[in-house]
Amino acid sequence: MTMKIWMRNKSKTTKMMMVVMNI
């Protein structure tokens, strides 16, 4: 659930996390 907070806090960081999740 921390990812949701990151999404609201940092959009750029979320993009990086999304890429990692995709892999």
N, C-alpha and C. Protein backbone atom coordinates (compact mmCIF):
# COMPACT_ATOMS: atom_id res chain seq x y z
N MET A 1 0.86 -1.22 0.00
CA MET A 1 0.00 0.00 0.00
C MET A 1 0.88 1.25 0.00
N THR A 2 2.15 1.06 0.20
CA THR A 2 3.04 2.25 0.21
C THR A 2 3.14 2.83 -1.20
N MET A 3 2.98 1.99 -2.18
CA MET A 3 3.08 2.49 -3.58
C MET A 3 2.04 3.57 -3.83
N LYS A 4 0.88 3.40 -3.25
CA LYS A 4 -0.19 4.40 -3.47
C LYS A 4 0.28 5.76 -2.93
N ILE A 5 0.90 5.73 -1.77
CA ILE A 5 1.36 7.00 -1.18
C ILE A 5 2.46 7.59 -2.07
N TRP A 6 3.31 6.72 -2.57
CA TRP A 6 4.40 7.21 -3.44
C TRP A 6 3.80 7.87 -4.68
N MET A 7 2.77 7.27 -5.19
CA MET A 7 2.12 7.80 -6.41
C MET A 7 1.64 9.23 -6.14
N ARG A 8 1.07 9.43 -4.96
CA ARG A 8 0.53 10.77 -4.64
C ARG A 8 1.70 11.69 -4.29
N ASN A 9 2.73 11.14 -3.67
CA ASN A 9 3.87 11.98 -3.26
C ASN A 9 4.80 12.27 -4.44
N LYS A 10 5.24 11.24 -5.11
CA LYS A 10 6.17 11.47 -6.25
C LYS A 10 5.67 10.74 -7.49
N SER A 11 5.38 11.50 -8.50
CA SER A 11 4.88 10.89 -9.75
C SER A 11 6.05 10.24 -10.50
N LYS A 12 7.20 10.90 -10.46
CA LYS A 12 8.36 10.35 -11.17
C LYS A 12 8.78 9.02 -10.54
N THR A 13 8.82 8.98 -9.24
CA THR A 13 9.23 7.73 -8.56
C THR A 13 8.24 6.61 -8.91
N THR A 14 7.00 6.97 -9.01
CA THR A 14 5.98 5.96 -9.33
C THR A 14 6.24 5.38 -10.72
N LYS A 15 6.64 6.24 -11.62
CA LYS A 15 6.90 5.77 -13.00
C LYS A 15 8.02 4.73 -12.95
N MET A 16 9.04 5.00 -12.20
CA MET A 16 10.17 4.06 -12.10
C MET A 16 9.68 2.74 -11.48
N MET A 17 8.87 2.85 -10.47
CA MET A 17 8.36 1.63 -9.78
C MET A 17 7.50 0.84 -10.77
N MET A 18 6.72 1.52 -11.56
CA MET A 18 5.85 0.83 -12.53
C MET A 18 6.72 0.05 -13.51
N VAL A 19 7.80 0.65 -13.92
CA VAL A 19 8.71 -0.04 -14.87
C VAL A 19 9.27 -1.29 -14.21
N VAL A 20 9.65 -1.16 -12.96
CA VAL A 20 10.22 -2.32 -12.25
C VAL A 20 9.15 -3.41 -12.12
N MET A 21 7.94 -3.02 -11.87
CA MET A 21 6.85 -4.00 -11.71
C MET A 21 6.58 -4.68 -13.05
N ASN A 22 6.76 -3.93 -14.12
CA ASN A 22 6.52 -4.50 -15.45
C ASN A 22 7.52 -5.61 -15.74
N ILE A 23 8.72 -5.41 -15.33
CA ILE A 23 9.78 -6.41 -15.61
C ILE A 23 9.49 -7.70 -14.84
